[in-house]
Every structure is written in C-alpha cells, then in structure tokens.
Amino acid sequence: MIRHLIPRFSAGRWSGGALTDDGSPTGDEVRGGVVAIQWLGLMIEIGLGRVR
C-alpha cells in the first residue's frame, strides 16, 4: 500500500509515420516526447510532437 503513496514519473521519446502524405518519396514523419505522472491510482500523461 505504501508504494501507491509515492508518485511515479516517466519520460520518453516516440516517432512514427504520419497519416498525411506530402507526395515526397520519404513521406512525413512524426517525432515527439511524453511525460507521465502516476499517483494514487491516477495517471496524467502529456505528449507533444511535430510533423517533419
């Protein structure tokens, strides 16, 4: 039970293909990062990214 009282933090990066296509041979790529906080059974996750 004590482990639920200690907040857990997590951060990471992600990337992948975009749903849009600009017609170039390489296509579009999406890159970004995410930060997550979990405490008392609640989780808050914030992610930001951009299309390259």
PDB file of N, CA and C in Angstrom:
ATOM      1  N   MET A   1       0.817  -1.201   0.000  1.00  0.00           N
ATOM      2  CA  MET A   1       0.000   0.000   0.000  1.00  0.00           C
ATOM      3  C   MET A   1       0.855   1.258   0.000  1.00  0.00           C
ATOM      4  N   ILE A   2       2.019   1.203   0.620  1.00  0.00           N
ATOM      5  CA  ILE A   2       2.879   2.394   0.690  1.00  0.00           C
ATOM      6  C   ILE A   2       3.375   2.796  -0.698  1.00  0.00           C
ATOM      7  N   ARG A   3       3.566   1.842  -1.598  1.00  0.00           N
ATOM      8  CA  ARG A   3       4.076   2.190  -2.930  1.00  0.00           C
ATOM      9  C   ARG A   3       3.108   3.064  -3.702  1.00  0.00           C
ATOM     10  N   HIS A   4       1.819   3.037  -3.367  1.00  0.00           N
ATOM     11  CA  HIS A   4       0.846   3.894  -4.044  1.00  0.00           C
ATOM     12  C   HIS A   4       0.918   5.347  -3.559  1.00  0.00           C
ATOM     13  N   LEU A   5       1.547   5.575  -2.450  1.00  0.00           N
ATOM     14  CA  LEU A   5       1.683   6.936  -1.931  1.00  0.00           C
ATOM     15  C   LEU A   5       2.871   7.671  -2.535  1.00  0.00           C
ATOM     16  N   ILE A   6       3.781   6.929  -3.169  1.00  0.00           N
ATOM     17  CA  ILE A   6       4.962   7.532  -3.788  1.00  0.00           C
ATOM     18  C   ILE A   6       4.660   7.761  -5.270  1.00  0.00           C
ATOM     19  N   PRO A   7       4.712   9.010  -5.753  1.00  0.00           N
ATOM     20  CA  PRO A   7       4.423   9.265  -7.170  1.00  0.00           C
ATOM     21  C   PRO A   7       5.482   8.645  -8.080  1.00  0.00           C
ATOM     22  N   ARG A   8       5.043   8.176  -9.243  1.00  0.00           N
ATOM     23  CA  ARG A   8       5.953   7.616 -10.242  1.00  0.00           C
ATOM     24  C   ARG A   8       5.987   8.541 -11.449  1.00  0.00           C
ATOM     25  N   PHE A   9       7.184   8.827 -11.926  1.00  0.00           N
ATOM     26  CA  PHE A   9       7.379   9.692 -13.085  1.00  0.00           C
ATOM     27  C   PHE A   9       8.006   8.879 -14.214  1.00  0.00           C
ATOM     28  N   SER A  10       7.615   9.184 -15.429  1.00  0.00           N
ATOM     29  CA  SER A  10       8.167   8.511 -16.597  1.00  0.00           C
ATOM     30  C   SER A  10       8.255   9.513 -17.738  1.00  0.00           C
ATOM     31  N   ALA A  11       9.336   9.435 -18.498  1.00  0.00           N
ATOM     32  CA  ALA A  11       9.518  10.319 -19.655  1.00  0.00           C
ATOM     33  C   ALA A  11      10.137   9.510 -20.784  1.00  0.00           C
ATOM     34  N   GLY A  12       9.777   9.842 -22.010  1.00  0.00           N
ATOM     35  CA  GLY A  12      10.334   9.126 -23.151  1.00  0.00           C
ATOM     36  C   GLY A  12      10.083   9.850 -24.457  1.00  0.00           C
ATOM     37  N   ARG A  13      10.673   9.309 -25.516  1.00  0.00           N
ATOM     38  CA  ARG A  13      10.519   9.868 -26.845  1.00  0.00           C
ATOM     39  C   ARG A  13       9.819   8.843 -27.729  1.00  0.00           C
ATOM     40  N   TRP A  14       9.163   9.319 -28.776  1.00  0.00           N
ATOM     41  CA  TRP A  14       8.480   8.438 -29.706  1.00  0.00           C
ATOM     42  C   TRP A  14       8.584   9.000 -31.113  1.00  0.00           C
ATOM     43  N   SER A  15       8.399   8.148 -32.108  1.00  0.00           N
ATOM     44  CA  SER A  15       8.399   8.584 -33.506  1.00  0.00           C
ATOM     45  C   SER A  15       7.613   7.572 -34.328  1.00  0.00           C
ATOM     46  N   GLY A  16       7.216   7.986 -35.521  1.00  0.00           N
ATOM     47  CA  GLY A  16       6.462   7.092 -36.392  1.00  0.00           C
ATOM     48  C   GLY A  16       6.018   7.801 -37.653  1.00  0.00           C
ATOM     49  N   GLY A  17       5.258   7.105 -38.465  1.00  0.00           N
ATOM     50  CA  GLY A  17       4.758   7.653 -39.719  1.00  0.00           C
ATOM     51  C   GLY A  17       3.504   8.481 -39.488  1.00  0.00           C
ATOM     52  N   ALA A  18       3.360   9.536 -40.261  1.00  0.00           N
ATOM     53  CA  ALA A  18       2.184  10.404 -40.162  1.00  0.00           C
ATOM     54  C   ALA A  18       1.075   9.885 -41.077  1.00  0.00           C
ATOM     55  N   LEU A  19      -0.152  10.228 -40.757  1.00  0.00           N
ATOM     56  CA  LEU A  19      -1.279   9.851 -41.604  1.00  0.00           C
ATOM     57  C   LEU A  19      -1.328  10.678 -42.876  1.00  0.00           C
ATOM     58  N   THR A  20      -0.765  11.879 -42.845  1.00  0.00           N
ATOM     59  CA  THR A  20      -0.747  12.733 -44.032  1.00  0.00           C
ATOM     60  C   THR A  20       0.459  12.369 -44.897  1.00  0.00           C
ATOM     61  N   ASP A  21       0.373  12.627 -46.173  1.00  0.00           N
ATOM     62  CA  ASP A  21       1.466  12.333 -47.099  1.00  0.00           C
ATOM     63  C   ASP A  21       1.619  13.530 -48.022  1.00  0.00           C
ATOM     64  N   ASP A  22       2.836  14.080 -48.079  1.00  0.00           N
ATOM     65  CA  ASP A  22       3.073  15.254 -48.919  1.00  0.00           C
ATOM     66  C   ASP A  22       3.493  14.893 -50.342  1.00  0.00           C
ATOM     67  N   GLY A  23       3.544  13.608 -50.672  1.00  0.00           N
ATOM     68  CA  GLY A  23       3.894  13.184 -52.017  1.00  0.00           C
ATOM     69  C   GLY A  23       5.376  12.946 -52.229  1.00  0.00           C
ATOM     70  N   SER A  24       6.228  13.250 -51.257  1.00  0.00           N
ATOM     71  CA  SER A  24       7.658  13.013 -51.412  1.00  0.00           C
ATOM     72  C   SER A  24       7.961  11.527 -51.205  1.00  0.00           C
ATOM     73  N   PRO A  25       9.091  11.048 -51.730  1.00  0.00           N
ATOM     74  CA  PRO A  25       9.420   9.630 -51.580  1.00  0.00           C
ATOM     75  C   PRO A  25       9.599   9.198 -50.117  1.00  0.00           C
ATOM     76  N   THR A  26      10.042  10.105 -49.275  1.00  0.00           N
ATOM     77  CA  THR A  26      10.276   9.741 -47.877  1.00  0.00           C
ATOM     78  C   THR A  26       9.012   9.820 -47.037  1.00  0.00           C
ATOM     79  N   GLY A  27       8.007  10.583 -47.469  1.00  0.00           N
ATOM     80  CA  GLY A  27       6.771  10.735 -46.687  1.00  0.00           C
ATOM     81  C   GLY A  27       6.989  11.626 -45.484  1.00  0.00           C
ATOM     82  N   ASP A  28       5.997  11.721 -44.636  1.00  0.00           N
ATOM     83  CA  ASP A  28       6.091  12.538 -43.427  1.00  0.00           C
ATOM     84  C   ASP A  28       6.412  11.657 -42.231  1.00  0.00           C
ATOM     85  N   GLU A  29       7.131  12.225 -41.291  1.00  0.00           N
ATOM     86  CA  GLU A  29       7.492  11.510 -40.071  1.00  0.00           C
ATOM     87  C   GLU A  29       7.095  12.367 -38.870  1.00  0.00           C
ATOM     88  N   VAL A  30       6.626  11.726 -37.822  1.00  0.00           N
ATOM     89  CA  VAL A  30       6.218  12.417 -36.609  1.00  0.00           C
ATOM     90  C   VAL A  30       7.191  12.042 -35.492  1.00  0.00           C
ATOM     91  N   ARG A  31       7.664  13.051 -34.772  1.00  0.00           N
ATOM     92  CA  ARG A  31       8.550  12.820 -33.624  1.00  0.00           C
ATOM     93  C   ARG A  31       8.049  13.632 -32.447  1.00  0.00           C
ATOM     94  N   GLY A  32       8.257  13.115 -31.251  1.00  0.00           N
ATOM     95  CA  GLY A  32       7.799  13.846 -30.080  1.00  0.00           C
ATOM     96  C   GLY A  32       8.282  13.223 -28.794  1.00  0.00           C
ATOM     97  N   GLY A  33       7.739  13.721 -27.712  1.00  0.00           N
ATOM     98  CA  GLY A  33       8.090  13.228 -26.383  1.00  0.00           C
ATOM     99  C   GLY A  33       6.858  13.158 -25.508  1.00  0.00           C
ATOM    100  N   VAL A  34       6.980  12.448 -24.402  1.00  0.00           N
ATOM    101  CA  VAL A  34       5.857  12.269 -23.493  1.00  0.00           C
ATOM    102  C   VAL A  34       6.377  12.241 -22.055  1.00  0.00           C
ATOM    103  N   VAL A  35       5.587  12.819 -21.158  1.00  0.00           N
ATOM    104  CA  VAL A  35       5.867  12.795 -19.716  1.00  0.00           C
ATOM    105  C   VAL A  35       4.623  12.249 -19.022  1.00  0.00           C
ATOM    106  N   ALA A  36       4.802  11.288 -18.126  1.00  0.00           N
ATOM    107  CA  ALA A  36       3.670  10.695 -17.413  1.00  0.00           C
ATOM    108  C   ALA A  36       3.931  10.726 -15.908  1.00  0.00           C
ATOM    109  N   ILE A  37       2.866  11.002 -15.148  1.00  0.00           N
ATOM    110  CA  ILE A  37       2.917  11.006 -13.688  1.00  0.00           C
ATOM    111  C   ILE A  37       1.777  10.132 -13.195  1.00  0.00           C
ATOM    112  N   GLN A  38       2.093   9.176 -12.324  1.00  0.00           N
ATOM    113  CA  GLN A  38       1.073   8.299 -11.752  1.00  0.00           C
ATOM    114  C   GLN A  38       1.156   8.402 -10.229  1.00  0.00           C
ATOM    115  N   TRP A  39      -0.027   8.661  -9.607  1.00  0.00           N
ATOM    116  CA  TRP A  39      -0.065   8.835  -8.162  1.00  0.00           C
ATOM    117  C   TRP A  39      -1.462   8.532  -7.651  1.00  0.00           C
ATOM    118  N   LEU A  40      -1.567   7.735  -6.639  1.00  0.00           N
ATOM    119  CA  LEU A  40      -2.836   7.358  -6.009  1.00  0.00           C
ATOM    120  C   LEU A  40      -3.837   6.783  -7.017  1.00  0.00           C
ATOM    121  N   GLY A  41      -3.359   6.012  -7.970  1.00  0.00           N
ATOM    122  CA  GLY A  41      -4.232   5.384  -8.949  1.00  0.00           C
ATOM    123  C   GLY A  41      -4.629   6.272 -10.106  1.00  0.00           C
ATOM    124  N   LEU A  42      -4.203   7.523 -10.123  1.00  0.00           N
ATOM    125  CA  LEU A  42      -4.499   8.449 -11.224  1.00  0.00           C
ATOM    126  C   LEU A  42      -3.264   8.601 -12.097  1.00  0.00           C
ATOM    127  N   MET A  43      -3.475   8.739 -13.401  1.00  0.00           N
ATOM    128  CA  MET A  43      -2.353   8.925 -14.312  1.00  0.00           C
ATOM    129  C   MET A  43      -2.602  10.134 -15.189  1.00  0.00           C
ATOM    130  N   ILE A  44      -1.600  10.987 -15.283  1.00  0.00           N
ATOM    131  CA  ILE A  44      -1.634  12.161 -16.151  1.00  0.00           C
ATOM    132  C   ILE A  44      -0.499  11.999 -17.153  1.00  0.00           C
ATOM    133  N   GLU A  45      -0.835  12.089 -18.434  1.00  0.00           N
ATOM    134  CA  GLU A  45       0.140  11.917 -19.491  1.00  0.00           C
ATOM    135  C   GLU A  45       0.052  13.097 -20.434  1.00  0.00           C
ATOM    136  N   ILE A  46       1.198  13.734 -20.704  1.00  0.00           N
ATOM    137  CA  ILE A  46       1.266  14.889 -21.589  1.00  0.00           C
ATOM    138  C   ILE A  46       2.255  14.559 -22.703  1.00  0.00           C
ATOM    139  N   GLY A  47       1.798  14.651 -23.935  1.00  0.00           N
ATOM    140  CA  GLY A  47       2.653  14.357 -25.078  1.00  0.00           C
ATOM    141  C   GLY A  47       2.654  15.504 -26.070  1.00  0.00           C
ATOM    142  N   LEU A  48       3.813  15.779 -26.635  1.00  0.00           N
ATOM    143  CA  LEU A  48       3.963  16.821 -27.650  1.00  0.00           C
ATOM    144  C   LEU A  48       4.731  16.233 -28.827  1.00  0.00           C
ATOM    145  N   GLY A  49       4.381  16.663 -30.031  1.00  0.00           N
ATOM    146  CA  GLY A  49       5.077  16.161 -31.202  1.00  0.00           C
ATOM    147  C   GLY A  49       4.951  17.118 -32.367  1.00  0.00           C
ATOM    148  N   ARG A  50       5.680  16.797 -33.450  1.00  0.00           N
ATOM    149  CA  ARG A  50       5.587  17.609 -34.652  1.00  0.00           C
ATOM    150  C   ARG A  50       5.854  16.751 -35.886  1.00  0.00           C
ATOM    151  N   VAL A  51       5.318  17.203 -36.992  1.00  0.00           N
ATOM    152  CA  VAL A  51       5.491  16.511 -38.264  1.00  0.00           C
ATOM    153  C   VAL A  51       6.725  17.078 -38.943  1.00  0.00           C
ATOM    154  N   ARG A  52       7.578  16.202 -39.443  1.00  0.00           N
ATOM    155  CA  ARG A  52       8.792  16.639 -40.158  1.00  0.00           C
ATOM    156  C   ARG A  52       8.688  16.308 -41.609  1.00  0.00           C
TER     157      ARG A  52
END
